[in-house]
N, C-alpha and C. Protein backbone atom coordinates (compact mmCIF):
# COMPACT_ATOMS: atom_id res chain seq x y z
N MET A 1 -94.98 25.98 -63.06
CA MET A 1 -94.87 24.77 -63.72
C MET A 1 -96.59 24.38 -63.24
N GLN A 2 -97.71 24.18 -64.13
CA GLN A 2 -98.89 24.00 -64.35
C GLN A 2 -99.18 22.58 -64.54
N LEU A 3 -99.68 21.97 -63.54
CA LEU A 3 -99.87 20.64 -63.46
C LEU A 3 -101.33 20.32 -63.99
N ASN A 4 -101.35 19.50 -64.73
CA ASN A 4 -103.17 19.20 -65.22
C ASN A 4 -103.06 17.75 -64.18
N THR A 5 -104.35 17.31 -63.52
CA THR A 5 -104.57 16.19 -62.64
C THR A 5 -103.86 14.78 -63.36
N LEU A 6 -103.95 14.38 -64.42
CA LEU A 6 -103.47 13.32 -65.04
C LEU A 6 -101.89 13.51 -64.81
N ASN A 7 -101.31 14.53 -65.04
CA ASN A 7 -100.00 14.38 -65.05
C ASN A 7 -99.13 14.26 -63.88
N ARG A 8 -100.14 15.00 -62.45
CA ARG A 8 -99.91 15.33 -61.16
C ARG A 8 -99.22 13.63 -60.28
N PRO A 9 -100.20 12.47 -60.52
CA PRO A 9 -99.41 11.34 -60.24
C PRO A 9 -98.00 11.10 -60.60
N ARG A 10 -98.03 11.27 -61.63
CA ARG A 10 -96.79 10.87 -62.37
C ARG A 10 -95.38 11.75 -61.95
N TYR A 11 -95.78 13.16 -61.63
CA TYR A 11 -94.86 13.98 -61.50
C TYR A 11 -94.55 13.74 -59.99
N LEU A 12 -95.21 13.28 -58.98
CA LEU A 12 -95.11 13.36 -57.73
C LEU A 12 -94.32 12.18 -57.58
N ILE A 13 -94.61 11.14 -58.25
CA ILE A 13 -93.69 9.46 -58.19
C ILE A 13 -92.35 10.04 -58.78
N ARG A 14 -91.89 11.06 -59.60
CA ARG A 14 -90.50 11.20 -60.10
C ARG A 14 -89.98 11.81 -59.22
N LEU A 15 -91.01 12.81 -58.46
CA LEU A 15 -90.29 13.78 -57.15
C LEU A 15 -89.83 12.96 -56.27
N ALA A 16 -90.58 11.95 -55.67
CA ALA A 16 -90.08 10.96 -54.93
C ALA A 16 -89.33 10.20 -54.59
N LYS A 17 -88.92 9.72 -56.00
CA LYS A 17 -87.81 8.66 -56.49
C LYS A 17 -86.70 9.74 -56.41
N THR A 18 -86.57 10.61 -57.05
CA THR A 18 -85.29 11.88 -57.07
C THR A 18 -84.93 12.30 -55.65
N CYS A 19 -85.94 12.42 -54.81
CA CYS A 19 -85.78 13.05 -53.37
C CYS A 19 -85.07 11.87 -52.44
N ALA A 20 -85.76 10.55 -52.73
CA ALA A 20 -85.19 9.56 -52.11
C ALA A 20 -84.00 8.94 -52.64
N VAL A 21 -83.59 9.35 -53.57
CA VAL A 21 -81.78 8.86 -54.31
C VAL A 21 -81.02 9.84 -53.62
N GLY A 22 -81.66 11.33 -53.82
CA GLY A 22 -80.76 12.49 -53.44
C GLY A 22 -80.42 12.31 -51.91
N LEU A 23 -81.19 12.08 -51.08
CA LEU A 23 -81.41 11.91 -49.56
C LEU A 23 -80.32 10.55 -49.34
N ALA A 24 -80.51 9.81 -50.18
CA ALA A 24 -79.71 8.51 -49.62
C ALA A 24 -78.16 8.58 -49.83
N LEU A 25 -78.06 9.31 -51.41
CA LEU A 25 -76.65 9.81 -51.59
C LEU A 25 -76.33 11.17 -50.35
N THR A 26 -76.44 11.41 -50.41
CA THR A 26 -76.61 12.78 -49.06
C THR A 26 -76.04 12.08 -47.93
N CYS A 27 -76.99 11.05 -47.53
CA CYS A 27 -76.72 10.40 -46.21
C CYS A 27 -75.44 9.57 -46.31
N ALA A 28 -75.27 9.01 -47.17
CA ALA A 28 -73.89 8.24 -47.06
C ALA A 28 -72.59 8.67 -47.57
N LEU A 29 -72.98 9.97 -48.46
CA LEU A 29 -71.85 10.71 -48.14
C LEU A 29 -71.34 11.42 -46.95
N THR A 30 -72.49 11.77 -46.20
CA THR A 30 -72.32 12.63 -45.12
C THR A 30 -71.98 11.54 -43.82
N THR A 31 -72.17 10.63 -43.95
CA THR A 31 -71.67 9.05 -42.94
C THR A 31 -70.03 9.01 -43.23
N SER A 32 -69.69 8.94 -44.37
CA SER A 32 -68.51 8.28 -44.44
C SER A 32 -67.74 9.49 -44.23
N ALA A 33 -68.01 10.79 -44.35
CA ALA A 33 -67.51 11.80 -44.31
C ALA A 33 -67.30 12.42 -42.73
N ALA A 34 -68.63 12.43 -42.00
CA ALA A 34 -68.76 12.57 -40.87
C ALA A 34 -68.46 11.84 -39.39
N THR A 35 -68.10 10.54 -40.00
CA THR A 35 -67.74 9.71 -39.06
C THR A 35 -67.08 8.60 -39.38
N PRO A 36 -65.34 9.41 -39.73
CA PRO A 36 -64.48 8.66 -40.31
C PRO A 36 -64.06 7.31 -38.89
N ALA A 37 -63.06 6.81 -38.88
CA ALA A 37 -62.89 5.83 -37.72
C ALA A 37 -62.14 7.16 -36.76
N ASP A 38 -62.48 6.51 -35.56
CA ASP A 38 -61.85 7.40 -34.75
C ASP A 38 -60.73 6.67 -33.98
N PRO A 39 -59.36 7.24 -34.39
CA PRO A 39 -58.23 6.67 -34.07
C PRO A 39 -57.90 6.65 -32.55
N GLU A 40 -58.04 7.75 -31.88
CA GLU A 40 -58.07 7.73 -30.47
C GLU A 40 -58.99 6.91 -29.83
N ASN A 41 -60.15 6.88 -30.04
CA ASN A 41 -60.81 5.56 -29.59
C ASN A 41 -60.69 4.48 -29.40
N ALA A 42 -60.03 4.12 -31.01
CA ALA A 42 -59.88 2.66 -31.52
C ALA A 42 -58.75 2.34 -30.35
N ALA A 43 -57.64 3.22 -30.17
CA ALA A 43 -56.46 3.18 -29.43
C ALA A 43 -56.82 2.93 -27.80
N ARG A 44 -57.60 3.57 -27.37
CA ARG A 44 -58.04 3.42 -26.39
C ARG A 44 -58.66 2.14 -25.94
N ALA A 45 -59.94 1.80 -26.56
CA ALA A 45 -59.93 0.58 -26.52
C ALA A 45 -59.17 -1.00 -26.76
N VAL A 46 -58.28 -0.80 -27.43
CA VAL A 46 -57.17 -1.86 -27.36
C VAL A 46 -56.38 -1.59 -25.97
N MET A 47 -56.45 -0.52 -25.32
CA MET A 47 -55.27 0.06 -23.83
C MET A 47 -56.33 -1.27 -22.80
N VAL A 48 -57.93 -0.66 -22.88
CA VAL A 48 -58.38 -1.69 -22.28
C VAL A 48 -58.55 -3.16 -22.37
N ASP A 49 -58.23 -3.29 -23.79
CA ASP A 49 -58.01 -4.89 -23.76
C ASP A 49 -56.73 -5.61 -23.34
N PHE A 50 -56.32 -4.80 -23.44
CA PHE A 50 -54.66 -5.21 -23.12
C PHE A 50 -54.67 -5.07 -21.88
N LEU A 51 -54.93 -4.20 -20.70
CA LEU A 51 -55.19 -4.61 -19.56
C LEU A 51 -55.83 -5.78 -18.89
N ASP A 52 -57.21 -5.52 -19.75
CA ASP A 52 -58.15 -6.90 -19.62
C ASP A 52 -57.24 -7.92 -19.13
N ALA A 53 -56.82 -8.32 -20.56
CA ALA A 53 -56.53 -9.69 -20.68
C ALA A 53 -55.02 -9.90 -19.77
N PHE A 54 -54.41 -9.03 -19.72
CA PHE A 54 -52.73 -8.97 -18.52
C PHE A 54 -53.80 -9.23 -17.20
N ASN A 55 -54.62 -8.71 -16.80
CA ASN A 55 -55.33 -9.51 -15.60
C ASN A 55 -55.46 -10.22 -15.08
N ALA A 56 -56.22 -11.18 -16.66
CA ALA A 56 -56.71 -12.34 -16.35
C ALA A 56 -55.93 -12.78 -16.86
N ARG A 57 -54.68 -12.52 -16.53
CA ARG A 57 -53.36 -13.47 -17.02
C ARG A 57 -53.61 -14.56 -17.98
N ASP A 58 -53.88 -14.24 -19.39
CA ASP A 58 -54.28 -14.94 -20.54
C ASP A 58 -53.30 -14.24 -21.55
N ALA A 59 -52.35 -14.95 -21.65
CA ALA A 59 -51.13 -14.59 -22.68
C ALA A 59 -51.62 -14.66 -24.05
N GLU A 60 -52.40 -15.53 -24.48
CA GLU A 60 -52.85 -15.65 -26.06
C GLU A 60 -53.95 -14.09 -26.12
N ARG A 61 -54.61 -13.68 -25.34
CA ARG A 61 -55.85 -12.91 -25.40
C ARG A 61 -54.73 -11.75 -25.21
N TRP A 62 -53.99 -11.70 -24.36
CA TRP A 62 -52.98 -9.98 -24.62
C TRP A 62 -52.04 -10.17 -25.53
N ALA A 63 -51.58 -11.34 -26.47
CA ALA A 63 -50.76 -11.22 -27.42
C ALA A 63 -51.62 -10.56 -28.78
N ASP A 64 -53.29 -10.95 -28.54
CA ASP A 64 -54.00 -10.19 -29.29
C ASP A 64 -54.22 -9.17 -29.79
N THR A 65 -53.84 -8.31 -28.52
CA THR A 65 -53.80 -6.79 -28.59
C THR A 65 -52.35 -6.07 -28.97
N LEU A 66 -51.52 -6.99 -29.35
CA LEU A 66 -50.53 -6.40 -29.96
C LEU A 66 -50.45 -6.35 -31.37
N GLN A 67 -49.33 -5.85 -31.99
CA GLN A 67 -49.12 -5.82 -33.37
C GLN A 67 -47.57 -6.49 -33.31
N PHE A 68 -47.03 -7.31 -34.37
CA PHE A 68 -45.99 -7.69 -34.43
C PHE A 68 -44.95 -7.27 -35.42
N PRO A 69 -43.68 -7.58 -35.46
CA PRO A 69 -42.89 -7.57 -34.42
C PRO A 69 -43.52 -6.69 -33.33
N HIS A 70 -43.62 -7.00 -32.02
CA HIS A 70 -43.54 -5.87 -30.47
C HIS A 70 -42.50 -5.62 -30.06
N VAL A 71 -42.35 -4.09 -29.79
CA VAL A 71 -41.25 -4.13 -28.74
C VAL A 71 -41.51 -3.48 -27.51
N ARG A 72 -40.75 -4.19 -26.44
CA ARG A 72 -40.72 -3.33 -25.20
C ARG A 72 -39.52 -3.13 -24.67
N LEU A 73 -39.49 -1.62 -24.32
CA LEU A 73 -38.17 -1.02 -23.91
C LEU A 73 -38.64 -0.92 -22.31
N ALA A 74 -37.88 -1.53 -20.98
CA ALA A 74 -38.16 -1.70 -19.96
C ALA A 74 -36.78 -2.26 -19.01
N SER A 75 -36.49 -1.85 -17.92
CA SER A 75 -35.53 -2.38 -17.10
C SER A 75 -33.92 -2.28 -18.04
N GLY A 76 -33.77 -1.44 -18.81
CA GLY A 76 -32.75 -0.91 -19.60
C GLY A 76 -32.48 -1.90 -20.68
N THR A 77 -33.76 -2.88 -21.24
CA THR A 77 -33.42 -3.61 -22.43
C THR A 77 -34.25 -3.45 -23.19
N VAL A 78 -34.35 -3.67 -24.56
CA VAL A 78 -34.90 -3.65 -25.34
C VAL A 78 -35.34 -5.02 -25.96
N THR A 79 -36.77 -5.64 -25.56
CA THR A 79 -37.26 -6.81 -26.21
C THR A 79 -37.96 -6.78 -26.90
N VAL A 80 -37.79 -7.53 -28.22
CA VAL A 80 -38.40 -7.83 -29.33
C VAL A 80 -39.12 -9.18 -29.88
N TYR A 81 -40.62 -9.05 -30.13
CA TYR A 81 -40.93 -10.24 -29.85
C TYR A 81 -41.66 -10.37 -31.53
N ALA A 82 -41.02 -11.00 -32.18
CA ALA A 82 -41.18 -11.49 -33.49
C ALA A 82 -42.63 -11.73 -34.09
N ASP A 83 -43.12 -12.54 -33.01
CA ASP A 83 -44.43 -12.55 -33.52
C ASP A 83 -45.61 -13.62 -32.44
N LYS A 84 -46.70 -13.87 -32.18
CA LYS A 84 -47.24 -14.18 -31.30
C LYS A 84 -46.98 -15.38 -30.65
N ALA A 85 -46.60 -16.48 -31.14
CA ALA A 85 -45.82 -17.43 -30.35
C ALA A 85 -44.61 -17.33 -29.96
N GLU A 86 -44.09 -16.32 -30.11
CA GLU A 86 -43.06 -15.79 -29.59
C GLU A 86 -43.17 -15.25 -27.95
N PHE A 87 -44.25 -14.42 -28.40
CA PHE A 87 -44.82 -13.60 -27.11
C PHE A 87 -45.09 -14.26 -26.20
N VAL A 88 -46.02 -15.61 -26.59
CA VAL A 88 -47.01 -16.32 -25.52
C VAL A 88 -46.22 -16.99 -24.78
N ALA A 89 -44.80 -17.71 -25.64
CA ALA A 89 -44.21 -18.61 -25.01
C ALA A 89 -43.24 -17.99 -23.66
N ALA A 90 -43.08 -16.57 -23.91
CA ALA A 90 -42.20 -15.97 -22.92
C ALA A 90 -42.92 -15.25 -21.94
N MET A 91 -43.97 -15.72 -21.76
CA MET A 91 -44.92 -14.80 -20.84
C MET A 91 -45.60 -16.28 -19.92
N ASP A 92 -44.80 -15.68 -18.43
CA ASP A 92 -45.46 -16.71 -17.69
C ASP A 92 -45.73 -15.61 -16.34
N LEU A 93 -47.27 -15.36 -16.63
CA LEU A 93 -47.77 -14.39 -15.69
C LEU A 93 -48.12 -14.94 -14.28
N ASP A 94 -48.32 -16.02 -14.34
CA ASP A 94 -48.37 -16.65 -12.89
C ASP A 94 -47.18 -16.62 -12.01
N SER A 95 -45.86 -16.84 -12.63
CA SER A 95 -44.74 -16.84 -12.08
C SER A 95 -44.38 -15.06 -12.02
N PHE A 96 -44.75 -14.54 -12.79
CA PHE A 96 -44.60 -12.77 -12.50
C PHE A 96 -45.44 -12.47 -11.22
N ALA A 97 -46.75 -12.94 -10.99
CA ALA A 97 -47.87 -12.68 -10.21
C ALA A 97 -47.06 -13.40 -8.50
N ALA A 98 -46.45 -14.61 -8.87
CA ALA A 98 -45.49 -14.93 -7.28
C ALA A 98 -44.77 -14.53 -7.04
N SER A 99 -43.70 -13.94 -7.91
CA SER A 99 -42.39 -13.38 -7.97
C SER A 99 -42.74 -12.28 -7.22
N SER A 100 -43.48 -11.24 -7.43
CA SER A 100 -44.08 -9.72 -7.39
C SER A 100 -44.86 -9.39 -6.17
N GLY A 101 -45.81 -10.44 -6.24
CA GLY A 101 -46.93 -9.99 -5.42
C GLY A 101 -48.03 -9.55 -5.86
N TRP A 102 -47.95 -9.53 -7.05
CA TRP A 102 -48.74 -8.23 -8.17
C TRP A 102 -50.21 -9.53 -8.48
N ASP A 103 -51.45 -8.60 -8.27
CA ASP A 103 -52.56 -9.55 -8.78
C ASP A 103 -53.32 -8.82 -9.55
N HIS A 104 -53.50 -7.66 -9.83
CA HIS A 104 -53.79 -6.79 -10.84
C HIS A 104 -53.18 -5.46 -11.14
N SER A 105 -53.64 -5.05 -12.40
CA SER A 105 -52.90 -3.47 -12.35
C SER A 105 -54.14 -2.81 -13.01
N THR A 106 -53.84 -1.22 -12.87
CA THR A 106 -55.20 -0.59 -13.38
C THR A 106 -54.46 0.54 -14.02
N TRP A 107 -55.22 1.43 -15.25
CA TRP A 107 -54.73 2.42 -15.62
C TRP A 107 -54.84 3.67 -14.81
N ASP A 108 -54.36 4.52 -14.79
CA ASP A 108 -54.47 5.38 -13.30
C ASP A 108 -55.09 6.77 -14.34
N LYS A 109 -53.75 7.20 -15.24
CA LYS A 109 -53.99 8.02 -16.21
C LYS A 109 -53.82 7.63 -17.79
N MET A 110 -54.32 8.17 -18.50
CA MET A 110 -53.90 7.66 -20.17
C MET A 110 -54.36 9.04 -21.04
N ARG A 111 -53.27 9.24 -21.71
CA ARG A 111 -53.61 10.73 -22.43
C ARG A 111 -52.93 10.70 -23.87
N ALA A 112 -53.80 10.47 -24.63
CA ALA A 112 -53.44 10.68 -26.17
C ALA A 112 -52.54 11.75 -26.43
N ILE A 113 -51.25 11.58 -26.50
CA ILE A 113 -50.24 12.95 -26.79
C ILE A 113 -50.14 13.24 -28.68
N GLN A 114 -50.39 12.18 -29.22
CA GLN A 114 -50.21 12.52 -30.85
C GLN A 114 -51.01 11.30 -31.40
N VAL A 115 -51.79 11.74 -32.26
CA VAL A 115 -52.71 10.88 -32.77
C VAL A 115 -52.94 11.27 -34.61
N SER A 116 -52.60 10.15 -35.54
CA SER A 116 -52.85 10.37 -36.71
C SER A 116 -53.88 9.05 -37.04
N PRO A 117 -54.12 9.07 -38.22
CA PRO A 117 -55.49 8.12 -38.77
C PRO A 117 -54.81 6.55 -38.58
N SER A 118 -53.54 6.33 -38.53
CA SER A 118 -53.28 5.16 -38.31
C SER A 118 -52.58 5.26 -37.19
N LYS A 119 -51.97 5.98 -36.41
CA LYS A 119 -51.10 5.79 -35.35
C LYS A 119 -51.47 6.73 -34.33
N VAL A 120 -51.37 6.38 -32.45
CA VAL A 120 -51.73 6.95 -31.53
C VAL A 120 -50.65 6.67 -30.56
N HIS A 121 -50.25 8.00 -29.89
CA HIS A 121 -49.42 7.60 -28.71
C HIS A 121 -49.83 7.97 -27.82
N ILE A 122 -49.71 7.30 -26.58
CA ILE A 122 -50.65 7.22 -25.55
C ILE A 122 -49.78 7.18 -24.38
N ALA A 123 -49.68 8.36 -23.56
CA ALA A 123 -48.87 8.47 -22.28
C ALA A 123 -49.81 8.17 -21.40
N VAL A 124 -49.29 7.13 -20.60
CA VAL A 124 -50.10 6.50 -19.11
C VAL A 124 -49.41 6.31 -18.09
N VAL A 125 -50.36 6.30 -16.96
CA VAL A 125 -49.48 5.60 -15.68
C VAL A 125 -50.51 4.51 -15.11
N PHE A 126 -49.95 3.67 -14.62
CA PHE A 126 -50.18 2.43 -14.38
C PHE A 126 -50.02 1.92 -13.07
N SER A 127 -50.76 1.04 -12.58
CA SER A 127 -50.31 0.98 -10.85
C SER A 127 -50.56 -0.77 -10.68
N ARG A 128 -49.93 -1.31 -10.18
CA ARG A 128 -50.01 -2.77 -9.75
C ARG A 128 -50.31 -2.68 -8.21
N PHE A 129 -51.03 -3.92 -8.14
CA PHE A 129 -52.02 -4.20 -6.48
C PHE A 129 -51.50 -5.40 -6.41
N ARG A 130 -51.54 -5.66 -5.35
CA ARG A 130 -51.59 -7.13 -4.59
C ARG A 130 -53.03 -7.23 -4.52
N ALA A 131 -53.30 -8.66 -4.06
CA ALA A 131 -54.47 -8.96 -4.00
C ALA A 131 -55.40 -8.53 -2.78
N ASP A 132 -54.81 -8.10 -1.92
CA ASP A 132 -55.52 -7.32 -0.91
C ASP A 132 -55.98 -5.63 -1.35
N ASN A 133 -55.21 -5.44 -2.62
CA ASN A 133 -55.58 -3.98 -3.08
C ASN A 133 -54.43 -2.92 -2.37
N SER A 134 -53.56 -3.50 -2.00
CA SER A 134 -52.10 -2.62 -1.59
C SER A 134 -51.74 -2.10 -2.88
N LEU A 135 -51.13 -1.03 -2.75
CA LEU A 135 -50.54 -0.47 -4.09
C LEU A 135 -49.20 -1.19 -4.06
N ILE A 136 -48.53 -1.78 -4.92
CA ILE A 136 -47.17 -2.11 -4.95
C ILE A 136 -46.09 -0.86 -5.52
N ALA A 137 -46.86 -0.69 -6.68
CA ALA A 137 -45.99 0.56 -7.28
C ALA A 137 -46.88 1.51 -8.62
N SER A 138 -46.80 2.50 -8.84
CA SER A 138 -47.00 3.12 -9.90
C SER A 138 -45.84 3.57 -11.13
N PHE A 139 -46.30 3.45 -12.86
CA PHE A 139 -45.36 3.47 -13.36
C PHE A 139 -45.76 4.51 -14.25
N GLU A 140 -45.27 5.22 -14.95
CA GLU A 140 -45.22 6.21 -16.15
C GLU A 140 -44.49 5.19 -17.50
N SER A 141 -45.49 5.56 -18.49
CA SER A 141 -44.87 4.40 -19.73
C SER A 141 -45.71 5.34 -20.68
N LEU A 142 -45.03 4.84 -22.18
CA LEU A 142 -45.81 5.36 -23.38
C LEU A 142 -45.67 4.11 -24.18
N TYR A 143 -47.00 4.20 -25.08
CA TYR A 143 -47.77 3.15 -25.79
C TYR A 143 -47.90 3.82 -27.03
N VAL A 144 -47.51 3.04 -28.02
CA VAL A 144 -47.66 3.20 -29.44
C VAL A 144 -48.78 2.08 -29.91
N ILE A 145 -49.74 2.74 -30.56
CA ILE A 145 -51.06 1.99 -30.90
C ILE A 145 -50.84 2.27 -32.43
N GLU A 146 -50.78 1.22 -33.58
CA GLU A 146 -51.21 0.92 -34.74
C GLU A 146 -51.95 0.42 -35.34
N GLN A 147 -52.44 0.93 -36.50
CA GLN A 147 -53.56 0.18 -37.02
C GLN A 147 -52.89 -0.59 -38.40
N ILE A 148 -52.86 -1.84 -38.61
CA ILE A 148 -52.21 -2.52 -39.56
C ILE A 148 -53.36 -3.59 -40.21
N ASP A 149 -53.58 -3.43 -41.68
CA ASP A 149 -54.87 -4.28 -42.02
C ASP A 149 -55.76 -4.10 -41.50
N GLY A 150 -56.45 -3.08 -41.15
CA GLY A 150 -57.48 -2.78 -40.35
C GLY A 150 -57.74 -3.10 -38.73
N ARG A 151 -56.73 -3.61 -38.45
CA ARG A 151 -56.71 -3.71 -36.85
C ARG A 151 -55.80 -3.22 -35.86
N TRP A 152 -56.34 -2.54 -34.90
CA TRP A 152 -55.44 -1.99 -34.03
C TRP A 152 -55.02 -2.49 -33.15
N GLY A 153 -53.27 -2.29 -32.82
CA GLY A 153 -53.12 -3.04 -31.50
C GLY A 153 -51.66 -2.42 -31.52
N VAL A 154 -50.91 -2.52 -29.91
CA VAL A 154 -49.84 -2.31 -29.37
C VAL A 154 -48.89 -2.37 -30.29
N ARG A 155 -47.85 -1.56 -31.14
CA ARG A 155 -47.00 -1.71 -31.57
C ARG A 155 -45.60 -1.73 -30.35
N ALA A 156 -45.51 -0.80 -29.53
CA ALA A 156 -44.74 -0.74 -28.86
C ALA A 156 -44.68 -0.08 -27.54
N ARG A 157 -44.25 -0.24 -26.40
CA ARG A 157 -44.25 0.18 -25.23
C ARG A 157 -42.95 0.24 -24.57
N SER A 158 -42.88 1.80 -24.07
CA SER A 158 -41.57 1.83 -23.26
C SER A 158 -41.82 2.03 -21.81
N SER A 159 -41.49 2.02 -20.60
CA SER A 159 -42.04 1.60 -19.49
C SER A 159 -40.90 2.26 -18.53
N PHE A 160 -41.18 2.20 -17.15
CA PHE A 160 -40.29 2.62 -16.30
C PHE A 160 -40.35 1.67 -15.28
N ALA A 161 -41.23 0.64 -15.70
CA ALA A 161 -41.69 -0.32 -14.85
C ALA A 161 -40.53 -1.52 -14.95
N PRO A 162 -40.21 -2.33 -14.17
CA PRO A 162 -39.31 -3.56 -14.40
C PRO A 162 -40.05 -4.65 -14.71
């Protein structure tokens, strides 16, 4: 195509606009397709927040890492917390610490064993420690983390811990 000097600026402006629109559309489509929410990393972030709140003995913040109803299977019982208020009312982490010698816990192993766009099952090993960092015990557990209404949280946990 032969361009005369009078048409060249208009042609270049149209070409630049077309390229800009095409590039913007390509970037938008590529970004949404190439970087979907990463369920495993979202679930791991919840697990970190869960343990940070637990170690801080902050029942309100701990409850914020959960989905409700929330289910805990441990010590041969199944406990279902209907909502955040019920969970917070049932938690007395200072009494737990005093009766068990517990000061803090750590995640020792964490492995996602099943992942879907809205649910992740994570097998963990965690340990409980005294204030002097001596080990109380380590336990295997399974956590079910779900995304509900755009928010990730622990829906259920099954533990061999008392």
